C-alpha atoms as a PDB file:
ATOM      1  CA  MET A   1     -11.965 -30.610  13.709  1.00  0.00           C
ATOM      2  CA  ASN A   2      -8.176 -30.478  13.582  1.00  0.00           C
ATOM      3  CA  ALA A   3      -6.553 -27.123  12.925  1.00  0.00           C
ATOM      4  CA  ARG A   4      -4.786 -26.966   9.609  1.00  0.00           C
ATOM      5  CA  SER A   5      -2.632 -24.496   7.750  1.00  0.00           C
ATOM      6  CA  HIS A   6      -1.445 -24.257   4.150  1.00  0.00           C
ATOM      7  CA  LEU A   7       1.727 -22.468   3.099  1.00  0.00           C
ATOM      8  CA  PRO A   8       2.839 -21.596  -0.446  1.00  0.00           C
ATOM      9  CA  ASP A   9       5.231 -23.776  -2.373  1.00  0.00           C
ATOM     10  CA  THR A  10       8.735 -22.690  -1.354  1.00  0.00           C
ATOM     11  CA  ASN A  11      10.150 -23.028  -4.867  1.00  0.00           C
ATOM     12  CA  ARG A  12       7.491 -20.774  -6.388  1.00  0.00           C
ATOM     13  CA  LEU A  13       7.810 -18.310  -3.510  1.00  0.00           C
ATOM     14  CA  SER A  14      11.598 -18.149  -3.930  1.00  0.00           C
ATOM     15  CA  VAL A  15      11.409 -17.614  -7.685  1.00  0.00           C
ATOM     16  CA  LEU A  16       8.795 -14.871  -7.371  1.00  0.00           C
ATOM     17  CA  THR A  17      10.649 -13.018  -4.615  1.00  0.00           C
ATOM     18  CA  ALA A  18      13.948 -13.253  -6.493  1.00  0.00           C
ATOM     19  CA  LEU A  19      12.433 -11.844  -9.702  1.00  0.00           C
ATOM     20  CA  VAL A  20      10.893  -8.833  -7.960  1.00  0.00           C
ATOM     21  CA  LEU A  21      13.991  -8.032  -5.919  1.00  0.00           C
ATOM     22  CA  LEU A  22      16.352  -8.559  -8.855  1.00  0.00           C
ATOM     23  CA  ALA A  23      14.605  -5.714 -10.648  1.00  0.00           C
ATOM     24  CA  TYR A  24      15.517  -3.349  -7.813  1.00  0.00           C
ATOM     25  CA  ALA A  25      18.985  -4.799  -7.246  1.00  0.00           C
ATOM     26  CA  VAL A  26      20.148  -3.934 -10.771  1.00  0.00           C
ATOM     27  CA  THR A  27      18.455  -0.518 -10.964  1.00  0.00           C
ATOM     28  CA  PRO A  28      21.289   1.475  -9.283  1.00  0.00           C
ATOM     29  CA  PHE A  29      23.735   0.251 -11.921  1.00  0.00           C
ATOM     30  CA  ILE A  30      21.628   1.297 -14.940  1.00  0.00           C
ATOM     31  CA  HIS A  31      21.381   5.014 -15.713  1.00  0.00           C
ATOM     32  CA  PRO A  32      19.463   5.700 -18.922  1.00  0.00           C
ATOM     33  CA  PRO A  33      18.529   9.348 -19.525  1.00  0.00           C
ATOM     34  CA  ALA A  34      15.208  10.559 -18.128  1.00  0.00           C
ATOM     35  CA  GLN A  35      12.413  11.218 -20.582  1.00  0.00           C
ATOM     36  CA  ASP A  36      10.293  14.372 -20.378  1.00  0.00           C
ATOM     37  CA  LEU A  37       6.697  14.449 -21.534  1.00  0.00           C
ATOM     38  CA  ALA A  38       5.716  18.106 -21.939  1.00  0.00           C
ATOM     39  CA  MET A  39       2.343  19.344 -23.098  1.00  0.00           C
ATOM     40  CA  GLN A  40       0.856  22.823 -23.217  1.00  0.00           C
ATOM     41  CA  LEU A  41      -2.775  22.698 -22.188  1.00  0.00           C
ATOM     42  CA  PRO A  42      -5.194  25.657 -22.036  1.00  0.00           C
ATOM     43  CA  GLY A  43      -3.978  27.695 -19.073  1.00  0.00           C
ATOM     44  CA  PHE A  44      -1.762  24.876 -17.834  1.00  0.00           C
ATOM     45  CA  PHE A  45       1.668  23.467 -18.717  1.00  0.00           C
ATOM     46  CA  PHE A  46       1.946  19.720 -18.096  1.00  0.00           C
ATOM     47  CA  ASN A  47       5.462  18.332 -17.630  1.00  0.00           C
ATOM     48  CA  LEU A  48       6.044  14.720 -16.632  1.00  0.00           C
ATOM     49  CA  ASN A  49       9.579  13.552 -15.907  1.00  0.00           C
ATOM     50  CA  PHE A  50       9.669   9.786 -16.398  1.00  0.00           C
ATOM     51  CA  GLU A  51      12.762   8.067 -15.005  1.00  0.00           C
ATOM     52  CA  PHE A  52      13.949   4.495 -15.418  1.00  0.00           C
ATOM     53  CA  ARG A  53      13.333   3.644 -11.747  1.00  0.00           C
ATOM     54  CA  ASN A  54       9.642   4.531 -12.174  1.00  0.00           C
ATOM     55  CA  PHE A  55       9.411   2.033 -15.003  1.00  0.00           C
ATOM     56  CA  ILE A  56      11.126  -0.614 -12.836  1.00  0.00           C
ATOM     57  CA  SER A  57       8.635  -0.011 -10.003  1.00  0.00           C
ATOM     58  CA  LEU A  58       5.743  -0.647 -12.382  1.00  0.00           C
ATOM     59  CA  ILE A  59       7.401  -3.823 -13.660  1.00  0.00           C
ATOM     60  CA  ALA A  60       7.989  -5.011 -10.078  1.00  0.00           C
ATOM     61  CA  ALA A  61       4.341  -4.393  -9.203  1.00  0.00           C
ATOM     62  CA  GLY A  62       3.196  -6.344 -12.250  1.00  0.00           C
ATOM     63  CA  LEU A  63       5.546  -9.223 -11.453  1.00  0.00           C
ATOM     64  CA  ALA A  64       4.277  -9.370  -7.870  1.00  0.00           C
ATOM     65  CA  ALA A  65       0.630  -9.434  -8.968  1.00  0.00           C
ATOM     66  CA  ALA A  66       1.212 -12.081 -11.649  1.00  0.00           C
ATOM     67  CA  GLY A  67       3.371 -14.107  -9.275  1.00  0.00           C
ATOM     68  CA  MET A  68       0.753 -14.007  -6.521  1.00  0.00           C
ATOM     69  CA  ASP A  69      -1.788 -15.377  -8.969  1.00  0.00           C
ATOM     70  CA  TRP A  70       0.722 -18.119  -9.831  1.00  0.00           C
ATOM     71  CA  LEU A  71       1.162 -18.968  -6.132  1.00  0.00           C
ATOM     72  CA  LEU A  72      -2.581 -19.120  -5.550  1.00  0.00           C
ATOM     73  CA  SER A  73      -3.055 -21.507  -8.461  1.00  0.00           C
ATOM     74  CA  GLY A  74      -1.410 -24.151  -6.292  1.00  0.00           C
ATOM     75  CA  HIS A  75      -3.601 -23.601  -3.218  1.00  0.00           C
ATOM     76  CA  PRO A  76      -5.509 -26.831  -2.430  1.00  0.00           C
ATOM     77  CA  ASN A  77      -8.614 -25.014  -1.094  1.00  0.00           C
ATOM     78  CA  ARG A  78      -8.923 -22.058  -3.480  1.00  0.00           C
ATOM     79  CA  ARG A  79     -11.657 -23.653  -5.581  1.00  0.00           C
ATOM     80  CA  ASN A  80     -13.159 -20.995  -7.890  1.00  0.00           C
ATOM     81  CA  GLN A  81     -12.449 -17.965  -5.710  1.00  0.00           C
ATOM     82  CA  PRO A  82     -11.335 -14.836  -7.620  1.00  0.00           C
ATOM     83  CA  THR A  83      -7.671 -14.015  -7.145  1.00  0.00           C
ATOM     84  CA  PHE A  84      -7.946 -10.255  -7.715  1.00  0.00           C
ATOM     85  CA  PRO A  85      -8.409  -9.307  -4.011  1.00  0.00           C
ATOM     86  CA  HIS A  86      -5.171 -11.091  -3.189  1.00  0.00           C
ATOM     87  CA  LEU A  87      -3.134  -9.314  -5.868  1.00  0.00           C
ATOM     88  CA  ILE A  88      -3.581  -5.760  -4.552  1.00  0.00           C
ATOM     89  CA  LEU A  89      -1.235  -5.738  -1.567  1.00  0.00           C
ATOM     90  CA  PRO A  90       1.612  -7.723  -3.217  1.00  0.00           C
ATOM     91  CA  ALA A  91       1.587  -5.298  -6.148  1.00  0.00           C
ATOM     92  CA  LEU A  92       1.394  -2.269  -3.841  1.00  0.00           C
ATOM     93  CA  THR A  93       4.206  -3.676  -1.686  1.00  0.00           C
ATOM     94  CA  ALA A  94       6.493  -4.336  -4.650  1.00  0.00           C
ATOM     95  CA  TRP A  95       5.858  -0.821  -5.960  1.00  0.00           C
ATOM     96  CA  ALA A  96       6.310   0.853  -2.560  1.00  0.00           C
ATOM     97  CA  ILE A  97       9.673  -0.844  -1.981  1.00  0.00           C
ATOM     98  CA  GLY A  98      11.114   1.254  -4.782  1.00  0.00           C
ATOM     99  CA  LEU A  99      10.022   4.611  -3.298  1.00  0.00           C
ATOM    100  CA  PRO A 100      12.543   4.841  -0.428  1.00  0.00           C
ATOM    101  CA  LEU A 101      15.222   3.055  -2.469  1.00  0.00           C
ATOM    102  CA  ALA A 102      15.006   5.797  -5.095  1.00  0.00           C
ATOM    103  CA  THR A 103      15.626   8.595  -2.588  1.00  0.00           C
ATOM    104  CA  ILE A 104      18.939   7.457  -1.083  1.00  0.00           C
ATOM    105  CA  ARG A 105      22.318   6.494  -2.490  1.00  0.00           C
ATOM    106  CA  VAL A 106      23.520   2.923  -2.603  1.00  0.00           C
ATOM    107  CA  GLY A 107      25.216   2.141   0.698  1.00  0.00           C
ATOM    108  CA  PRO A 108      24.561   0.375   3.998  1.00  0.00           C
ATOM    109  CA  ALA A 109      21.239   2.206   4.482  1.00  0.00           C
ATOM    110  CA  TRP A 110      20.121   1.307   0.938  1.00  0.00           C
ATOM    111  CA  TRP A 111      20.908  -2.373   1.441  1.00  0.00           C
ATOM    112  CA  ALA A 112      19.221  -2.357   4.863  1.00  0.00           C
ATOM    113  CA  LEU A 113      16.034  -0.980   3.274  1.00  0.00           C
ATOM    114  CA  PHE A 114      16.373  -3.509   0.465  1.00  0.00           C
ATOM    115  CA  ALA A 115      16.592  -6.366   2.997  1.00  0.00           C
ATOM    116  CA  LEU A 116      13.643  -5.004   4.990  1.00  0.00           C
ATOM    117  CA  GLY A 117      11.584  -4.729   1.812  1.00  0.00           C
ATOM    118  CA  SER A 118      12.486  -8.313   0.924  1.00  0.00           C
ATOM    119  CA  VAL A 119      11.235  -9.614   4.263  1.00  0.00           C
ATOM    120  CA  LEU A 120       8.082  -7.513   4.010  1.00  0.00           C
ATOM    121  CA  LEU A 121       7.318  -8.810   0.516  1.00  0.00           C
ATOM    122  CA  VAL A 122       7.686 -12.443   1.606  1.00  0.00           C
ATOM    123  CA  ILE A 123       5.404 -11.840   4.614  1.00  0.00           C
ATOM    124  CA  ILE A 124       2.732 -10.302   2.379  1.00  0.00           C
ATOM    125  CA  LEU A 125       2.896 -13.145  -0.148  1.00  0.00           C
ATOM    126  CA  VAL A 126       2.608 -15.815   2.542  1.00  0.00           C
ATOM    127  CA  ALA A 127      -0.187 -13.989   4.388  1.00  0.00           C
ATOM    128  CA  GLU A 128      -2.220 -13.523   1.193  1.00  0.00           C
ATOM    129  CA  TYR A 129      -1.844 -17.226   0.470  1.00  0.00           C
ATOM    130  CA  ILE A 130      -3.096 -18.118   3.961  1.00  0.00           C
ATOM    131  CA  VAL A 131      -6.211 -15.889   3.969  1.00  0.00           C
ATOM    132  CA  VAL A 132      -7.579 -17.656   0.888  1.00  0.00           C
ATOM    133  CA  ASP A 133      -8.876 -20.387   3.205  1.00  0.00           C
ATOM    134  CA  GLU A 134     -11.096 -19.016   6.020  1.00  0.00           C
ATOM    135  CA  SER A 135     -10.749 -22.302   7.919  1.00  0.00           C
ATOM    136  CA  ASP A 136      -6.967 -21.995   8.004  1.00  0.00           C
ATOM    137  CA  SER A 137      -5.610 -21.970  11.559  1.00  0.00           C
ATOM    138  CA  LEU A 138      -3.473 -18.917  10.712  1.00  0.00           C
ATOM    139  CA  HIS A 139      -6.263 -16.961   9.007  1.00  0.00           C
ATOM    140  CA  ALA A 140      -6.828 -14.484  11.868  1.00  0.00           C
ATOM    141  CA  PRO A 141      -3.162 -13.491  12.418  1.00  0.00           C
ATOM    142  CA  ALA A 142      -2.604 -13.318   8.657  1.00  0.00           C
ATOM    143  CA  THR A 143      -5.576 -10.959   8.328  1.00  0.00           C
ATOM    144  CA  MET A 144      -4.222  -8.686  11.070  1.00  0.00           C
ATOM    145  CA  MET A 145      -0.784  -8.743   9.452  1.00  0.00           C
ATOM    146  CA  LEU A 146      -2.172  -7.733   6.054  1.00  0.00           C
ATOM    147  CA  THR A 147      -4.201  -4.899   7.573  1.00  0.00           C
ATOM    148  CA  ALA A 148      -1.237  -3.546   9.536  1.00  0.00           C
ATOM    149  CA  VAL A 149       1.152  -3.758   6.600  1.00  0.00           C
ATOM    150  CA  SER A 150      -1.310  -2.045   4.258  1.00  0.00           C
ATOM    151  CA  PHE A 151      -1.402   0.996   6.574  1.00  0.00           C
ATOM    152  CA  ALA A 152       2.397   0.965   6.884  1.00  0.00           C
ATOM    153  CA  LEU A 153       2.729   0.899   3.096  1.00  0.00           C
ATOM    154  CA  PHE A 154       0.390   3.855   2.745  1.00  0.00           C
ATOM    155  CA  LEU A 155       2.494   5.820   5.257  1.00  0.00           C
ATOM    156  CA  VAL A 156       5.718   4.996   3.401  1.00  0.00           C
ATOM    157  CA  MET A 157       4.133   5.954   0.096  1.00  0.00           C
ATOM    158  CA  ALA A 158       2.827   9.300   1.393  1.00  0.00           C
ATOM    159  CA  VAL A 159       6.114  10.237   3.084  1.00  0.00           C
ATOM    160  CA  ALA A 160       8.195   9.252   0.041  1.00  0.00           C
ATOM    161  CA  LEU A 161       6.001  11.215  -2.374  1.00  0.00           C
ATOM    162  CA  ARG A 162       6.098  14.285  -0.143  1.00  0.00           C
ATOM    163  CA  SER A 163       9.879  14.008   0.197  1.00  0.00           C
ATOM    164  CA  SER A 164      10.337  13.753  -3.568  1.00  0.00           C
ATOM    165  CA  GLY A 165       8.843  17.209  -4.095  1.00  0.00           C
ATOM    166  CA  GLN A 166       6.550  16.073  -6.908  1.00  0.00           C
ATOM    167  CA  ARG A 167       3.826  18.318  -8.294  1.00  0.00           C
ATOM    168  CA  LEU A 168       0.286  17.906  -6.981  1.00  0.00           C
ATOM    169  CA  TYR A 169      -1.056  16.417 -10.217  1.00  0.00           C
ATOM    170  CA  LEU A 170       1.398  13.531  -9.753  1.00  0.00           C
ATOM    171  CA  ILE A 171       0.944  13.050  -6.005  1.00  0.00           C
ATOM    172  CA  LEU A 172      -2.850  13.288  -5.906  1.00  0.00           C
ATOM    173  CA  PRO A 173      -3.794  10.298  -8.104  1.00  0.00           C
ATOM    174  CA  VAL A 174      -1.215   8.037  -6.454  1.00  0.00           C
ATOM    175  CA  ILE A 175      -2.305   8.841  -2.892  1.00  0.00           C
ATOM    176  CA  GLY A 176      -5.987   8.783  -3.828  1.00  0.00           C
ATOM    177  CA  LEU A 177      -5.709   5.421  -5.575  1.00  0.00           C
ATOM    178  CA  GLY A 178      -3.549   4.029  -2.771  1.00  0.00           C
ATOM    179  CA  ALA A 179      -6.050   5.122  -0.135  1.00  0.00           C
ATOM    180  CA  GLY A 180      -8.904   3.539  -2.080  1.00  0.00           C
ATOM    181  CA  LEU A 181      -7.049   0.240  -2.481  1.00  0.00           C
ATOM    182  CA  VAL A 182      -6.031   0.108   1.197  1.00  0.00           C
ATOM    183  CA  ALA A 183      -9.566   0.989   2.307  1.00  0.00           C
ATOM    184  CA  GLY A 184     -11.173  -1.553   0.000  1.00  0.00           C
ATOM    185  CA  ARG A 185      -8.807  -4.335   1.047  1.00  0.00           C
ATOM    186  CA  SER A 186      -9.154  -3.559   4.784  1.00  0.00           C
ATOM    187  CA  LEU A 187     -12.945  -3.520   4.591  1.00  0.00           C
ATOM    188  CA  TYR A 188     -12.870  -6.732   2.553  1.00  0.00           C
ATOM    189  CA  LEU A 189     -10.800  -8.492   5.225  1.00  0.00           C
ATOM    190  CA  ASN A 190     -12.800  -7.182   8.176  1.00  0.00           C
ATOM    191  CA  GLN A 191     -16.307  -7.552   6.753  1.00  0.00           C
ATOM    192  CA  SER A 192     -16.522 -11.270   5.947  1.00  0.00           C
ATOM    193  CA  GLU A 193     -14.720 -10.784   2.627  1.00  0.00           C
ATOM    194  CA  ARG A 194     -17.311  -8.496   1.030  1.00  0.00           C
ATOM    195  CA  TRP A 195     -16.389  -5.600  -1.229  1.00  0.00           C
ATOM    196  CA  PHE A 196     -17.587  -2.123  -0.304  1.00  0.00           C
ATOM    197  CA  TRP A 197     -16.711  -0.203  -3.448  1.00  0.00           C
ATOM    198  CA  GLY A 198     -18.787   2.818  -2.446  1.00  0.00           C
ATOM    199  CA  TRP A 199     -16.916   3.231   0.818  1.00  0.00           C
ATOM    200  CA  ALA A 200     -13.555   2.726  -0.896  1.00  0.00           C
ATOM    201  CA  ALA A 201     -14.344   5.361  -3.535  1.00  0.00           C
ATOM    202  CA  GLY A 202     -15.671   7.809  -0.928  1.00  0.00           C
ATOM    203  CA  ILE A 203     -12.614   7.371   1.310  1.00  0.00           C
ATOM    204  CA  SER A 204     -10.336   7.821  -1.701  1.00  0.00           C
ATOM    205  CA  LEU A 205     -12.114  11.081  -2.572  1.00  0.00           C
ATOM    206  CA  VAL A 206     -11.883  12.445   0.988  1.00  0.00           C
ATOM    207  CA  ILE A 207      -8.192  11.565   1.323  1.00  0.00           C
ATOM    208  CA  GLY A 208      -7.584  13.241  -2.024  1.00  0.00           C
ATOM    209  CA  GLN A 209      -9.224  16.454  -0.823  1.00  0.00           C
ATOM    210  CA  ILE A 210      -7.137  16.416   2.369  1.00  0.00           C
ATOM    211  CA  THR A 211      -4.009  15.835   0.275  1.00  0.00           C
ATOM    212  CA  ILE A 212      -4.761  18.940  -1.775  1.00  0.00           C
ATOM    213  CA  GLY A 213      -5.072  21.043   1.375  1.00  0.00           C
ATOM    214  CA  LEU A 214      -1.892  19.678   2.976  1.00  0.00           C
ATOM    215  CA  HIS A 215       0.129  20.002  -0.229  1.00  0.00           C
ATOM    216  CA  TYR A 216       0.152  23.803  -0.025  1.00  0.00           C
ATOM    217  CA  LEU A 217       0.976  23.939   3.676  1.00  0.00           C
ATOM    218  CA  PRO A 218       4.537  23.807   5.106  1.00  0.00           C
ATOM    219  CA  VAL A 219       4.034  20.312   6.494  1.00  0.00           C
ATOM    220  CA  PRO A 220       7.132  18.060   6.825  1.00  0.00           C
ATOM    221  CA  PRO A 221       6.995  14.707   4.986  1.00  0.00           C
ATOM    222  CA  LEU A 222       6.543  12.525   8.081  1.00  0.00           C
ATOM    223  CA  SER A 223       3.815  14.774   9.498  1.00  0.00           C
ATOM    224  CA  PHE A 224       2.171  14.824   6.066  1.00  0.00           C
ATOM    225  CA  GLY A 225       2.085  11.022   6.019  1.00  0.00           C
ATOM    226  CA  LEU A 226       0.885  10.700   9.620  1.00  0.00           C
ATOM    227  CA  ILE A 227      -2.030  13.095   9.100  1.00  0.00           C
ATOM    228  CA  LEU A 228      -3.157  11.255   5.978  1.00  0.00           C
ATOM    229  CA  LEU A 229      -2.736   7.891   7.701  1.00  0.00           C
ATOM    230  CA  GLY A 230      -4.793   9.071  10.692  1.00  0.00           C
ATOM    231  CA  CYS A 231      -7.564  10.272   8.375  1.00  0.00           C
ATOM    232  CA  LEU A 232      -7.488   7.016   6.404  1.00  0.00           C
ATOM    233  CA  PHE A 233      -7.536   4.859   9.532  1.00  0.00           C
ATOM    234  CA  GLY A 234     -10.353   6.910  11.040  1.00  0.00           C
ATOM    235  CA  LEU A 235     -12.490   6.720   7.890  1.00  0.00           C
ATOM    236  CA  ILE A 236     -12.017   2.958   7.614  1.00  0.00           C
ATOM    237  CA  SER A 237     -12.899   2.584  11.304  1.00  0.00           C
ATOM    238  CA  LEU A 238     -16.037   4.680  10.719  1.00  0.00           C
ATOM    239  CA  ALA A 239     -16.998   2.503   7.747  1.00  0.00           C
ATOM    240  CA  ASN A 240     -16.519  -0.660   9.802  1.00  0.00           C
ATOM    241  CA  GLY A 241     -18.649   0.759  12.620  1.00  0.00           C
ATOM    242  CA  ILE A 242     -21.496   1.711  10.299  1.00  0.00           C
ATOM    243  CA  ASN A 243     -21.384  -1.618   8.457  1.00  0.00           C
ATOM    244  CA  GLU A 244     -21.459  -3.464  11.786  1.00  0.00           C
ATOM    245  CA  GLU A 245     -24.419  -1.281  12.886  1.00  0.00           C
ATOM    246  CA  ARG A 246     -22.798  -0.069  16.091  1.00  0.00           C
ATOM    247  CA  ALA A 247     -24.611   2.423  18.274  1.00  0.00           C
ATOM    248  CA  THR A 248     -24.531   5.968  16.862  1.00  0.00           C
ATOM    249  CA  ASN A 249     -22.903   7.387  19.993  1.00  0.00           C
ATOM    250  CA  ARG A 250     -20.108   4.798  19.739  1.00  0.00           C
ATOM    251  CA  VAL A 251     -19.409   4.685  16.018  1.00  0.00           C
ATOM    252  CA  TRP A 252     -17.628   8.073  16.102  1.00  0.00           C
ATOM    253  CA  ILE A 253     -15.469   7.489  19.189  1.00  0.00           C
ATOM    254  CA  GLU A 254     -12.684   5.376  17.667  1.00  0.00           C
ATOM    255  CA  PRO A 255     -12.273   7.452  14.453  1.00  0.00           C
ATOM    256  CA  ILE A 256     -12.061  10.722  16.406  1.00  0.00           C
ATOM    257  CA  LEU A 257      -9.606   9.341  18.970  1.00  0.00           C
ATOM    258  CA  VAL A 258      -7.400   7.863  16.221  1.00  0.00           C
ATOM    259  CA  LEU A 259      -7.412  11.130  14.281  1.00  0.00           C
ATOM    260  CA  ILE A 260      -6.488  13.156  17.377  1.00  0.00           C
ATOM    261  CA  LEU A 261      -3.676  10.715  18.194  1.00  0.00           C
ATOM    262  CA  PHE A 262      -2.146  10.941  14.716  1.00  0.00           C
ATOM    263  CA  ILE A 263      -2.441  14.729  14.644  1.00  0.00           C
ATOM    264  CA  ILE A 264      -0.588  14.887  17.974  1.00  0.00           C
ATOM    265  CA  LEU A 265       2.100  12.569  16.587  1.00  0.00           C
ATOM    266  CA  SER A 266       2.425  14.698  13.458  1.00  0.00           C
ATOM    267  CA  ILE A 267       2.915  17.825  15.597  1.00  0.00           C
ATOM    268  CA  LEU A 268       5.528  16.097  17.761  1.00  0.00           C
ATOM    269  CA  PHE A 269       7.502  14.876  14.760  1.00  0.00           C
ATOM    270  CA  ALA A 270       7.228  18.284  13.082  1.00  0.00           C
ATOM    271  CA  SER A 271       8.955  20.029  16.006  1.00  0.00           C
END
């Protein structure tokens, strides 16, 4: 059998990428006033500051998800496969691009991050298109690329949220949901494209509990992100080991070693 590979239509890919990036390119030049949503609850005062850039990030995520579905509609071997699994990472990528862009002023560094985000978005869109067909000659490298990028996005998201100084009730659902989506997508890619919703929900809950503990400690943003990433990676590795029915004395080795490594890195970067 001859190896084959399918790539997305370049015109559709260009239009989709341009739409998502245009939303971020014009954001620095639009400055509408922020809107505050304040509510007095029993024993708790809820105050949500909603800025225009947050709205743009949500629009970008929606455009990326809808555009990915549009790209997949032209795949010759998609048949009746659901497109939802392939919409998660493009949407998460488009949303995460806006996090670092919102923390720095427009300048060389801003445009460098913008260019890096553009390249990353294109890579994710192409890789998601490729993994639709398991017989594709590029399926294995595309799967590894998607897994690696999903962890990188989670790290960027955690560091950016910690750096922004947001309240816990805003950070917790975002990190918890992000961890669940990354875990679910990673398990889906590594376990013959089967969903493990129980594992994804459990990992999301554990990462949320760890986030609560770290939030009240004087942990720098990068160390905060590295610890959460190490825990997420270790839990996903544990889930893969159990699902693959590895020996009990081996299933814990990789998660523990990964967690120790990331904790050491977090300590080094904190000093």
